[in-house]
Amino acid sequence: MPVILANNSLRYIIEFSKQMQEKLTMQNPPPNPTPPAGAPQTSSGMDPKIAAAVSYIWIVGVIFYFMEKENKFVRFHAMQSIIFGIVNTVIMTVLAIVAGFLTFAFGIGSAVVGGGLGSLIGLLVGLIWIIFWLLALVLLIGLIFAAVKAYQGQMFKLPIIGKFAEQIVNK
């Protein structure tokens, strides 16, 4: 009797798990690993949204811009990435030089002056570097935001830079 009961219970469990598996498969069909026929691709064979998003890694943007000849969506985001990278490099280099010079000058000034005024100058130097790193963080967030918008398939234009990128791509 216990063997028959265990055997029936096992059959019930197997049947129940098959039914649950069917229900889950119907509710959540497996993703289609191949793109539908006629989906626009890039010269590299990548999905345009992925290629545009990845192009915000600066050197990849340079590669995609010169490699991609037909897909204007990818070329636009690649060019926007290139211009953003150049502008970012120039801004951060200038700010680093200015902050470094002010750190040196104010550091000597605070050592000479000493006391409360020296501490105030030291705080000013710290504030300059905090502004430097906050600006770097804002630029990084802008870059990530643009990459996400590209992945969503949007022709998102960064302020000022986007207009130039569009003009260059549409020539």
N, C-alpha and C. Protein backbone atom coordinates (compact mmCIF):
# COMPACT_ATOMS: atom_id res chain seq x y z
N MET A 1 0.81 -1.20 0.00
CA MET A 1 0.00 0.00 0.00
C MET A 1 0.86 1.28 0.00
N PRO A 2 1.90 1.38 0.84
CA PRO A 2 2.71 2.59 0.82
C PRO A 2 3.42 2.79 -0.51
N VAL A 3 3.78 1.70 -1.20
CA VAL A 3 4.46 1.83 -2.49
C VAL A 3 3.50 2.41 -3.52
N ILE A 4 2.23 1.96 -3.52
CA ILE A 4 1.24 2.46 -4.46
C ILE A 4 0.96 3.93 -4.17
N LEU A 5 0.87 4.31 -2.92
CA LEU A 5 0.63 5.70 -2.53
C LEU A 5 1.78 6.59 -2.97
N ALA A 6 3.01 6.14 -2.76
CA ALA A 6 4.18 6.91 -3.16
C ALA A 6 4.24 7.03 -4.67
N ASN A 7 3.91 5.97 -5.39
CA ASN A 7 3.94 5.96 -6.83
C ASN A 7 2.91 6.95 -7.40
N ASN A 8 1.68 6.95 -6.82
CA ASN A 8 0.64 7.88 -7.25
C ASN A 8 1.03 9.32 -6.93
N SER A 9 1.63 9.54 -5.80
CA SER A 9 2.07 10.89 -5.42
C SER A 9 3.14 11.39 -6.38
N LEU A 10 4.06 10.51 -6.75
CA LEU A 10 5.13 10.87 -7.67
C LEU A 10 4.54 11.22 -9.04
N ARG A 11 3.58 10.43 -9.53
CA ARG A 11 2.93 10.73 -10.80
C ARG A 11 2.21 12.09 -10.74
N TYR A 12 1.53 12.33 -9.63
CA TYR A 12 0.82 13.60 -9.46
C TYR A 12 1.80 14.77 -9.51
N ILE A 13 2.93 14.64 -8.84
CA ILE A 13 3.94 15.71 -8.80
C ILE A 13 4.51 15.95 -10.19
N ILE A 14 4.80 14.86 -10.92
CA ILE A 14 5.36 15.01 -12.27
C ILE A 14 4.34 15.67 -13.19
N GLU A 15 3.09 15.23 -13.12
CA GLU A 15 2.03 15.81 -13.95
C GLU A 15 1.82 17.29 -13.62
N PHE A 16 1.82 17.59 -12.32
CA PHE A 16 1.65 18.98 -11.89
C PHE A 16 2.81 19.86 -12.39
N SER A 17 4.04 19.37 -12.32
CA SER A 17 5.19 20.17 -12.77
C SER A 17 5.14 20.39 -14.27
N LYS A 18 4.66 19.38 -15.05
CA LYS A 18 4.52 19.57 -16.49
C LYS A 18 3.49 20.65 -16.80
N GLN A 19 2.36 20.64 -16.08
CA GLN A 19 1.32 21.64 -16.30
C GLN A 19 1.84 23.05 -15.96
N MET A 20 2.57 23.15 -14.88
CA MET A 20 3.12 24.46 -14.48
C MET A 20 4.14 24.95 -15.51
N GLN A 21 4.96 24.04 -16.00
CA GLN A 21 5.95 24.41 -17.01
C GLN A 21 5.26 24.93 -18.27
N GLU A 22 4.16 24.27 -18.69
CA GLU A 22 3.40 24.72 -19.84
C GLU A 22 2.84 26.12 -19.63
N LYS A 23 2.27 26.34 -18.45
CA LYS A 23 1.70 27.65 -18.15
C LYS A 23 2.77 28.73 -18.16
N LEU A 24 3.93 28.45 -17.57
CA LEU A 24 5.01 29.44 -17.54
C LEU A 24 5.53 29.71 -18.94
N THR A 25 5.63 28.68 -19.76
CA THR A 25 6.11 28.87 -21.13
C THR A 25 5.14 29.74 -21.91
N MET A 26 3.85 29.53 -21.71
CA MET A 26 2.86 30.33 -22.43
C MET A 26 2.86 31.77 -21.94
N GLN A 27 3.05 31.98 -20.64
CA GLN A 27 3.04 33.33 -20.10
C GLN A 27 4.30 34.08 -20.48
N ASN A 28 5.42 33.40 -20.48
CA ASN A 28 6.71 34.03 -20.78
C ASN A 28 7.39 33.26 -21.91
N PRO A 29 7.00 33.53 -23.15
CA PRO A 29 7.62 32.79 -24.24
C PRO A 29 9.12 33.12 -24.31
N PRO A 30 9.93 32.17 -24.72
CA PRO A 30 11.37 32.43 -24.79
C PRO A 30 11.66 33.52 -25.80
N PRO A 31 12.68 34.34 -25.54
CA PRO A 31 13.00 35.43 -26.47
C PRO A 31 13.51 34.87 -27.79
N ASN A 32 13.25 35.63 -28.83
CA ASN A 32 13.70 35.24 -30.16
C ASN A 32 15.15 35.68 -30.31
N PRO A 33 16.11 34.76 -30.41
CA PRO A 33 17.51 35.14 -30.45
C PRO A 33 17.93 35.78 -31.77
N THR A 34 17.18 35.57 -32.84
CA THR A 34 17.55 36.16 -34.12
C THR A 34 16.62 37.32 -34.42
N PRO A 35 17.15 38.39 -34.96
CA PRO A 35 16.29 39.52 -35.29
C PRO A 35 15.34 39.14 -36.42
N PRO A 36 14.18 39.79 -36.47
CA PRO A 36 13.22 39.48 -37.52
C PRO A 36 13.80 39.82 -38.90
N ALA A 37 13.33 39.14 -39.90
CA ALA A 37 13.81 39.38 -41.26
C ALA A 37 13.54 40.82 -41.67
N GLY A 38 14.50 41.43 -42.30
CA GLY A 38 14.35 42.81 -42.76
C GLY A 38 14.68 43.85 -41.71
N ALA A 39 15.15 43.42 -40.51
CA ALA A 39 15.51 44.38 -39.48
C ALA A 39 16.76 45.14 -39.93
N PRO A 40 16.76 46.47 -39.79
CA PRO A 40 17.93 47.22 -40.25
C PRO A 40 19.15 46.87 -39.40
N GLN A 41 20.25 46.68 -40.06
CA GLN A 41 21.50 46.34 -39.39
C GLN A 41 22.54 47.39 -39.73
N THR A 42 23.66 47.28 -39.06
CA THR A 42 24.78 48.17 -39.35
C THR A 42 25.79 47.42 -40.20
N SER A 43 26.82 48.11 -40.64
CA SER A 43 27.87 47.47 -41.42
C SER A 43 28.55 46.37 -40.63
N SER A 44 28.56 46.52 -39.30
CA SER A 44 29.19 45.52 -38.45
C SER A 44 28.26 44.34 -38.18
N GLY A 45 26.99 44.44 -38.59
CA GLY A 45 26.03 43.38 -38.35
C GLY A 45 25.32 43.52 -37.01
N MET A 46 25.65 44.55 -36.25
CA MET A 46 25.02 44.77 -34.94
C MET A 46 23.68 45.45 -35.11
N ASP A 47 22.86 45.33 -34.08
CA ASP A 47 21.62 46.07 -34.02
C ASP A 47 21.98 47.56 -33.93
N PRO A 48 21.32 48.43 -34.70
CA PRO A 48 21.69 49.85 -34.70
C PRO A 48 21.61 50.51 -33.32
N LYS A 49 20.62 50.11 -32.51
CA LYS A 49 20.50 50.72 -31.18
C LYS A 49 21.70 50.35 -30.29
N ILE A 50 22.13 49.11 -30.39
CA ILE A 50 23.28 48.69 -29.58
C ILE A 50 24.54 49.37 -30.09
N ALA A 51 24.71 49.42 -31.40
CA ALA A 51 25.89 50.08 -31.97
C ALA A 51 25.93 51.56 -31.59
N ALA A 52 24.78 52.23 -31.61
CA ALA A 52 24.73 53.65 -31.25
C ALA A 52 25.07 53.84 -29.78
N ALA A 53 24.55 52.96 -28.92
CA ALA A 53 24.82 53.09 -27.49
C ALA A 53 26.29 52.81 -27.18
N VAL A 54 26.84 51.77 -27.79
CA VAL A 54 28.24 51.41 -27.53
C VAL A 54 29.19 52.47 -28.09
N SER A 55 28.74 53.21 -29.08
CA SER A 55 29.61 54.23 -29.68
C SER A 55 29.92 55.36 -28.69
N TYR A 56 29.22 55.42 -27.57
CA TYR A 56 29.53 56.45 -26.57
C TYR A 56 30.78 56.11 -25.76
N ILE A 57 31.33 54.91 -25.98
CA ILE A 57 32.69 54.66 -25.51
C ILE A 57 33.55 55.31 -26.59
N TRP A 58 34.29 56.32 -26.26
CA TRP A 58 34.85 57.26 -27.21
C TRP A 58 35.56 56.60 -28.39
N ILE A 59 36.49 55.71 -28.15
CA ILE A 59 37.26 55.11 -29.24
C ILE A 59 36.36 54.24 -30.12
N VAL A 60 35.35 53.62 -29.53
CA VAL A 60 34.40 52.82 -30.31
C VAL A 60 33.59 53.74 -31.22
N GLY A 61 33.27 54.92 -30.73
CA GLY A 61 32.56 55.91 -31.55
C GLY A 61 33.36 56.31 -32.77
N VAL A 62 34.66 56.47 -32.60
CA VAL A 62 35.53 56.80 -33.74
C VAL A 62 35.51 55.66 -34.76
N ILE A 63 35.63 54.45 -34.26
CA ILE A 63 35.63 53.27 -35.15
C ILE A 63 34.30 53.16 -35.90
N PHE A 64 33.18 53.28 -35.16
CA PHE A 64 31.87 53.16 -35.80
C PHE A 64 31.63 54.29 -36.81
N TYR A 65 32.11 55.49 -36.52
CA TYR A 65 31.88 56.60 -37.44
C TYR A 65 32.54 56.32 -38.79
N PHE A 66 33.76 55.82 -38.76
CA PHE A 66 34.46 55.58 -40.02
C PHE A 66 34.05 54.26 -40.67
N MET A 67 33.58 53.31 -39.89
CA MET A 67 33.20 52.00 -40.42
C MET A 67 31.78 52.02 -41.00
N GLU A 68 30.88 52.73 -40.35
CA GLU A 68 29.47 52.75 -40.76
C GLU A 68 29.27 53.81 -41.83
N LYS A 69 28.80 53.36 -42.99
CA LYS A 69 28.63 54.30 -44.10
C LYS A 69 27.16 54.65 -44.37
N GLU A 70 26.23 53.77 -44.00
CA GLU A 70 24.84 53.96 -44.41
C GLU A 70 23.89 54.34 -43.28
N ASN A 71 24.07 53.79 -42.11
CA ASN A 71 23.12 54.00 -41.03
C ASN A 71 23.38 55.34 -40.34
N LYS A 72 22.54 56.33 -40.65
CA LYS A 72 22.74 57.69 -40.11
C LYS A 72 22.51 57.76 -38.61
N PHE A 73 21.66 56.87 -38.09
CA PHE A 73 21.41 56.84 -36.64
C PHE A 73 22.70 56.51 -35.89
N VAL A 74 23.39 55.49 -36.33
CA VAL A 74 24.65 55.10 -35.68
C VAL A 74 25.72 56.16 -35.92
N ARG A 75 25.80 56.69 -37.14
CA ARG A 75 26.80 57.72 -37.45
C ARG A 75 26.58 58.98 -36.60
N PHE A 76 25.29 59.36 -36.41
CA PHE A 76 25.00 60.54 -35.60
C PHE A 76 25.49 60.34 -34.17
N HIS A 77 25.14 59.21 -33.56
CA HIS A 77 25.55 58.99 -32.17
C HIS A 77 27.06 58.82 -32.05
N ALA A 78 27.69 58.22 -33.05
CA ALA A 78 29.15 58.09 -33.04
C ALA A 78 29.80 59.47 -33.12
N MET A 79 29.29 60.33 -34.01
CA MET A 79 29.86 61.68 -34.14
C MET A 79 29.60 62.51 -32.89
N GLN A 80 28.42 62.37 -32.32
CA GLN A 80 28.12 63.09 -31.09
C GLN A 80 29.07 62.64 -29.98
N SER A 81 29.38 61.37 -29.94
CA SER A 81 30.33 60.84 -28.96
C SER A 81 31.73 61.40 -29.19
N ILE A 82 32.14 61.48 -30.44
CA ILE A 82 33.47 62.01 -30.76
C ILE A 82 33.57 63.47 -30.33
N ILE A 83 32.59 64.27 -30.70
CA ILE A 83 32.61 65.70 -30.32
C ILE A 83 32.55 65.84 -28.81
N PHE A 84 31.70 65.05 -28.16
CA PHE A 84 31.59 65.10 -26.70
C PHE A 84 32.93 64.75 -26.06
N GLY A 85 33.60 63.73 -26.59
CA GLY A 85 34.90 63.33 -26.05
C GLY A 85 35.94 64.42 -26.19
N ILE A 86 35.95 65.08 -27.35
CA ILE A 86 36.92 66.17 -27.57
C ILE A 86 36.63 67.34 -26.64
N VAL A 87 35.37 67.75 -26.56
CA VAL A 87 34.98 68.87 -25.68
C VAL A 87 35.27 68.52 -24.22
N ASN A 88 34.94 67.31 -23.83
CA ASN A 88 35.18 66.86 -22.45
C ASN A 88 36.68 66.89 -22.14
N THR A 89 37.49 66.41 -23.05
CA THR A 89 38.94 66.40 -22.84
C THR A 89 39.49 67.81 -22.70
N VAL A 90 39.04 68.70 -23.57
CA VAL A 90 39.52 70.09 -23.51
C VAL A 90 39.10 70.75 -22.20
N ILE A 91 37.83 70.63 -21.84
CA ILE A 91 37.33 71.26 -20.61
C ILE A 91 38.06 70.72 -19.39
N MET A 92 38.18 69.40 -19.29
CA MET A 92 38.81 68.81 -18.11
C MET A 92 40.30 69.12 -18.05
N THR A 93 40.97 69.20 -19.20
CA THR A 93 42.39 69.56 -19.21
C THR A 93 42.59 70.99 -18.75
N VAL A 94 41.79 71.91 -19.26
CA VAL A 94 41.90 73.31 -18.85
C VAL A 94 41.60 73.44 -17.35
N LEU A 95 40.54 72.79 -16.90
CA LEU A 95 40.21 72.87 -15.47
C LEU A 95 41.29 72.24 -14.59
N ALA A 96 41.88 71.16 -15.03
CA ALA A 96 42.94 70.52 -14.25
C ALA A 96 44.16 71.43 -14.16
N ILE A 97 44.51 72.08 -15.26
CA ILE A 97 45.65 73.01 -15.24
C ILE A 97 45.36 74.18 -14.32
N VAL A 98 44.17 74.77 -14.47
CA VAL A 98 43.81 75.90 -13.61
C VAL A 98 43.76 75.49 -12.15
N ALA A 99 43.13 74.35 -11.86
CA ALA A 99 43.03 73.88 -10.48
C ALA A 99 44.41 73.55 -9.92
N GLY A 100 45.26 72.95 -10.74
CA GLY A 100 46.63 72.65 -10.30
C GLY A 100 47.41 73.92 -10.00
N PHE A 101 47.30 74.91 -10.89
CA PHE A 101 48.00 76.17 -10.67
C PHE A 101 47.48 76.87 -9.41
N LEU A 102 46.15 76.92 -9.26
CA LEU A 102 45.59 77.56 -8.08
C LEU A 102 45.94 76.80 -6.80
N THR A 103 46.00 75.49 -6.88
CA THR A 103 46.40 74.69 -5.72
C THR A 103 47.83 75.06 -5.31
N PHE A 104 48.71 75.14 -6.30
CA PHE A 104 50.10 75.49 -6.02
C PHE A 104 50.21 76.91 -5.46
N ALA A 105 49.57 77.87 -6.15
CA ALA A 105 49.66 79.27 -5.73
C ALA A 105 49.02 79.49 -4.36
N PHE A 106 47.81 78.93 -4.17
CA PHE A 106 47.13 79.12 -2.89
C PHE A 106 47.78 78.30 -1.78
N GLY A 107 48.38 77.18 -2.16
CA GLY A 107 49.09 76.38 -1.15
C GLY A 107 50.26 77.14 -0.57
N ILE A 108 51.03 77.81 -1.45
CA ILE A 108 52.14 78.63 -0.98
C ILE A 108 51.60 79.82 -0.20
N GLY A 109 50.51 80.42 -0.71
CA GLY A 109 49.91 81.57 -0.04
C GLY A 109 49.42 81.21 1.36
N SER A 110 48.80 80.06 1.50
CA SER A 110 48.29 79.69 2.82
C SER A 110 49.42 79.34 3.77
N ALA A 111 50.52 78.81 3.23
CA ALA A 111 51.68 78.51 4.09
C ALA A 111 52.33 79.80 4.58
N VAL A 112 52.37 80.79 3.69
CA VAL A 112 52.99 82.06 4.07
C VAL A 112 52.10 82.82 5.06
N VAL A 113 50.82 82.86 4.77
CA VAL A 113 49.89 83.63 5.60
C VAL A 113 49.66 82.92 6.92
N GLY A 114 49.36 81.62 6.83
CA GLY A 114 49.12 80.84 8.05
C GLY A 114 47.83 81.28 8.74
N GLY A 115 47.55 80.70 9.88
CA GLY A 115 46.40 81.07 10.70
C GLY A 115 45.07 80.82 10.02
N GLY A 116 44.09 81.66 10.38
CA GLY A 116 42.72 81.52 9.88
C GLY A 116 42.62 81.77 8.39
N LEU A 117 43.34 82.76 7.89
CA LEU A 117 43.30 83.06 6.46
C LEU A 117 43.91 81.92 5.65
N GLY A 118 44.95 81.30 6.17
CA GLY A 118 45.57 80.16 5.50
C GLY A 118 44.59 78.99 5.41
N SER A 119 43.82 78.78 6.47
CA SER A 119 42.82 77.72 6.46
C SER A 119 41.72 78.02 5.45
N LEU A 120 41.32 79.28 5.35
CA LEU A 120 40.31 79.69 4.39
C LEU A 120 40.80 79.46 2.95
N ILE A 121 42.05 79.78 2.71
CA ILE A 121 42.63 79.55 1.38
C ILE A 121 42.68 78.05 1.09
N GLY A 122 43.02 77.24 2.09
CA GLY A 122 43.03 75.79 1.94
C GLY A 122 41.65 75.25 1.59
N LEU A 123 40.61 75.82 2.22
CA LEU A 123 39.23 75.42 1.90
C LEU A 123 38.88 75.80 0.47
N LEU A 124 39.33 76.96 0.01
CA LEU A 124 39.08 77.39 -1.36
C LEU A 124 39.70 76.41 -2.35
N VAL A 125 40.93 75.97 -2.07
CA VAL A 125 41.60 74.99 -2.93
C VAL A 125 40.80 73.70 -2.97
N GLY A 126 40.35 73.24 -1.81
CA GLY A 126 39.53 72.03 -1.76
C GLY A 126 38.25 72.19 -2.54
N LEU A 127 37.63 73.37 -2.47
CA LEU A 127 36.40 73.66 -3.20
C LEU A 127 36.64 73.61 -4.71
N ILE A 128 37.78 74.12 -5.14
CA ILE A 128 38.11 74.09 -6.57
C ILE A 128 38.17 72.64 -7.06
N TRP A 129 38.81 71.75 -6.30
CA TRP A 129 38.91 70.35 -6.71
C TRP A 129 37.57 69.63 -6.62
N ILE A 130 36.75 70.00 -5.68
CA ILE A 130 35.40 69.41 -5.60
C ILE A 130 34.60 69.79 -6.83
N ILE A 131 34.69 71.05 -7.24
CA ILE A 131 33.99 71.50 -8.46
C ILE A 131 34.51 70.73 -9.67
N PHE A 132 35.82 70.54 -9.74
CA PHE A 132 36.43 69.79 -10.84
C PHE A 132 35.82 68.38 -10.94
N TRP A 133 35.78 67.66 -9.82
CA TRP A 133 35.28 66.29 -9.83
C TRP A 133 33.77 66.22 -10.00
N LEU A 134 33.04 67.22 -9.50
CA LEU A 134 31.59 67.25 -9.74
C LEU A 134 31.28 67.46 -11.22
N LEU A 135 32.06 68.33 -11.86
CA LEU A 135 31.86 68.54 -13.29
C LEU A 135 32.19 67.26 -14.07
N ALA A 136 33.24 66.56 -13.67
CA ALA A 136 33.58 65.29 -14.32
C ALA A 136 32.42 64.30 -14.15
N LEU A 137 31.82 64.27 -12.98
CA LEU A 137 30.70 63.36 -12.72
C LEU A 137 29.48 63.75 -13.57
N VAL A 138 29.21 65.04 -13.68
CA VAL A 138 28.08 65.51 -14.50
C VAL A 138 28.30 65.13 -15.96
N LEU A 139 29.51 65.29 -16.46
CA LEU A 139 29.80 64.92 -17.84
C LEU A 139 29.65 63.42 -18.05
N LEU A 140 30.07 62.62 -17.08
CA LEU A 140 29.92 61.17 -17.18
C LEU A 140 28.44 60.78 -17.19
N ILE A 141 27.65 61.41 -16.34
CA ILE A 141 26.21 61.13 -16.30
C ILE A 141 25.56 61.52 -17.63
N GLY A 142 25.98 62.64 -18.20
CA GLY A 142 25.46 63.05 -19.52
C GLY A 142 25.79 62.04 -20.60
N LEU A 143 26.99 61.49 -20.53
CA LEU A 143 27.41 60.48 -21.50
C LEU A 143 26.58 59.20 -21.35
N ILE A 144 26.36 58.77 -20.13
CA ILE A 144 25.55 57.58 -19.87
C ILE A 144 24.10 57.82 -20.31
N PHE A 145 23.58 59.00 -20.03
CA PHE A 145 22.21 59.34 -20.42
C PHE A 145 22.06 59.28 -21.94
N ALA A 146 23.03 59.83 -22.66
CA ALA A 146 22.97 59.81 -24.12
C ALA A 146 23.05 58.38 -24.65
N ALA A 147 23.88 57.55 -24.03
CA ALA A 147 23.99 56.14 -24.45
C ALA A 147 22.67 55.40 -24.22
N VAL A 148 22.02 55.66 -23.10
CA VAL A 148 20.73 55.03 -22.82
C VAL A 148 19.68 55.47 -23.84
N LYS A 149 19.66 56.75 -24.15
CA LYS A 149 18.71 57.26 -25.15
C LYS A 149 18.98 56.63 -26.52
N ALA A 150 20.24 56.44 -26.86
CA ALA A 150 20.59 55.78 -28.13
C ALA A 150 20.10 54.34 -28.12
N TYR A 151 20.26 53.66 -27.00
CA TYR A 151 19.82 52.27 -26.89
C TYR A 151 18.29 52.17 -26.99
N GLN A 152 17.60 53.21 -26.56
CA GLN A 152 16.14 53.23 -26.68
C GLN A 152 15.68 53.59 -28.09
N GLY A 153 16.63 53.89 -28.97
CA GLY A 153 16.31 54.20 -30.36
C GLY A 153 15.96 55.64 -30.60
N GLN A 154 16.27 56.53 -29.67
CA GLN A 154 15.93 57.94 -29.81
C GLN A 154 17.11 58.71 -30.40
N MET A 155 16.80 59.67 -31.22
CA MET A 155 17.81 60.54 -31.82
C MET A 155 18.04 61.71 -30.87
N PHE A 156 18.55 61.42 -29.68
CA PHE A 156 18.73 62.41 -28.62
C PHE A 156 19.94 63.28 -28.94
N LYS A 157 19.72 64.60 -28.89
CA LYS A 157 20.81 65.55 -29.16
C LYS A 157 21.25 66.19 -27.86
N LEU A 158 22.53 66.10 -27.60
CA LEU A 158 23.10 66.83 -26.46
C LEU A 158 23.06 68.32 -26.80
N PRO A 159 22.89 69.19 -25.81
CA PRO A 159 22.87 70.63 -26.10
C PRO A 159 24.15 71.06 -26.83
N ILE A 160 24.00 71.87 -27.84
CA ILE A 160 25.05 72.44 -28.68
C ILE A 160 25.76 71.36 -29.50
N ILE A 161 26.27 70.33 -28.86
CA ILE A 161 27.04 69.28 -29.53
C ILE A 161 26.18 68.52 -30.54
N GLY A 162 24.95 68.24 -30.18
CA GLY A 162 24.06 67.46 -31.04
C GLY A 162 23.81 68.12 -32.38
N LYS A 163 23.68 69.44 -32.38
CA LYS A 163 23.45 70.18 -33.62
C LYS A 163 24.65 70.04 -34.56
N PHE A 164 25.86 70.16 -34.00
CA PHE A 164 27.06 70.02 -34.81
C PHE A 164 27.21 68.60 -35.35
N ALA A 165 26.91 67.62 -34.52
CA ALA A 165 27.01 66.22 -34.95
C ALA A 165 26.04 65.95 -36.09
N GLU A 166 24.83 66.48 -35.99
CA GLU A 166 23.84 66.28 -37.03
C GLU A 166 24.27 66.94 -38.34
N GLN A 167 24.83 68.13 -38.26
CA GLN A 167 25.31 68.81 -39.47
C GLN A 167 26.43 68.05 -40.14
N ILE A 168 27.35 67.50 -39.36
CA ILE A 168 28.46 66.76 -39.93
C ILE A 168 27.98 65.47 -40.59
N VAL A 169 27.07 64.76 -39.94
CA VAL A 169 26.57 63.49 -40.48
C VAL A 169 25.74 63.71 -41.74
N ASN A 170 24.99 64.80 -41.81
CA ASN A 170 24.09 65.04 -42.94
C ASN A 170 24.78 65.69 -44.14
N LYS A 171 26.07 65.91 -44.08
CA LYS A 171 26.79 66.52 -45.22
C LYS A 171 26.83 65.58 -46.38
